[in-house]
C-alpha cells in the first residue's frame, strides 16, 4: 500500500484481524494468501476442518496431574 504522502504503509494488526475474520460462503480469507500472496484466497473455516485433539488431550492430562499435586501440597500445608 502507498499512503497519500507516497510512503509505503502496511495495515495494522487490528485491520488484518478484521480482514481475516471475514467470511464468504462459509470460507475465510487465508492468512497465507493475504500476507504472502501464496495459496488460495479463501480457506474453509475451523468448523469445517477435522481437529487433531491429541495435543489438547495431553495438555489436559498434564494440567490435571499438576492440579492434583497442588491439592496434595495444599492439604499437606494445611495439616501442619
Protein backbone atom coordinates (compact mmCIF):
# COMPACT_ATOMS: atom_id res chain seq x y z
CA UNK A 1 0.00 0.00 0.00
CA UNK A 2 1.09 3.55 -0.58
CA UNK A 3 -0.30 6.27 1.67
CA UNK A 4 -1.29 9.75 0.44
CA UNK A 5 2.25 11.05 1.15
CA UNK A 6 3.71 8.44 -1.21
CA UNK A 7 5.23 6.28 1.54
CA UNK A 8 4.73 2.53 1.81
CA UNK A 9 2.41 1.63 4.64
CA UNK A 10 1.02 -1.58 6.00
CA UNK A 11 -2.30 -2.33 7.69
CA UNK A 12 -2.25 -2.53 11.49
CA UNK A 13 -2.80 -5.75 13.41
CA UNK A 14 -6.46 -4.96 14.15
CA UNK A 15 -7.13 -4.28 10.46
CA UNK A 16 -5.51 -7.60 9.49
CA UNK A 17 -7.54 -9.42 12.16
CA UNK A 18 -10.75 -7.88 10.80
CA UNK A 19 -9.89 -8.92 7.23
CA UNK A 20 -9.01 -12.46 8.35
CA UNK A 21 -12.34 -12.75 10.20
CA UNK A 22 -14.39 -12.03 7.07
CA UNK A 23 -16.28 -14.96 5.56
CA UNK A 24 -17.74 -15.65 2.15
CA UNK A 25 -19.90 -18.74 1.65
CA UNK A 26 -18.52 -20.24 4.87
CA UNK A 27 -14.88 -19.61 3.93
CA UNK A 28 -12.43 -17.16 5.47
CA UNK A 29 -9.64 -15.17 3.85
CA UNK A 30 -6.39 -17.14 4.04
CA UNK A 31 -3.64 -15.50 6.11
CA UNK A 32 -1.03 -17.09 3.83
CA UNK A 33 -2.69 -15.55 0.78
CA UNK A 34 -3.18 -12.17 2.43
CA UNK A 35 0.36 -11.80 3.77
CA UNK A 36 2.47 -13.73 1.25
CA UNK A 37 0.23 -13.82 -1.81
CA UNK A 38 0.52 -17.61 -1.86
CA UNK A 39 -2.15 -20.30 -2.00
CA UNK A 40 -5.89 -19.90 -2.26
CA UNK A 41 -7.64 -16.66 -1.31
CA UNK A 42 -10.17 -18.46 0.89
CA UNK A 43 -9.83 -21.38 3.25
CA UNK A 44 -12.50 -23.41 4.98
CA UNK A 45 -13.50 -22.27 8.45
CA UNK A 46 -12.33 -24.11 11.55
CA UNK A 47 -15.72 -25.76 11.99
CA UNK A 48 -15.27 -27.49 8.62
CA UNK A 49 -11.83 -28.92 9.46
CA UNK A 50 -11.19 -32.04 11.43
CA UNK A 51 -9.20 -31.21 14.54
CA UNK A 52 -6.49 -33.46 15.96
CA UNK A 53 -7.16 -33.34 19.69
CA UNK A 54 -4.16 -35.44 20.73
CA UNK A 55 -2.09 -32.47 21.88
CA UNK A 56 -5.07 -30.91 23.65
CA UNK A 57 -5.75 -34.17 25.49
CA UNK A 58 -2.08 -34.42 26.54
CA UNK A 59 -2.20 -30.86 27.87
CA UNK A 60 -5.38 -31.58 29.82
CA UNK A 61 -3.79 -34.68 31.34
CA UNK A 62 -0.70 -32.72 32.37
CA UNK A 63 -2.83 -29.95 33.85
CA UNK A 64 -4.90 -32.50 35.77
CA UNK A 65 -1.74 -34.01 37.27
CA UNK A 66 -0.47 -30.56 38.21
CA UNK A 67 -3.78 -29.65 39.87
CA UNK A 68 -3.79 -32.91 41.83
CA UNK A 69 -0.22 -32.26 43.01
CA UNK A 70 -1.18 -28.74 44.09
CA UNK A 71 -4.19 -30.12 46.00
CA UNK A 72 -1.97 -32.59 47.84
CA UNK A 73 0.61 -29.90 48.61
CA UNK A 74 -2.10 -27.58 49.93
CA UNK A 75 -3.59 -30.36 52.06
CA UNK A 76 -0.17 -31.16 53.44
CA UNK A 77 0.47 -27.50 54.29
CA UNK A 78 -2.93 -27.13 55.96
CA UNK A 79 -2.27 -30.18 58.16
CA UNK A 80 0.96 -28.78 59.61
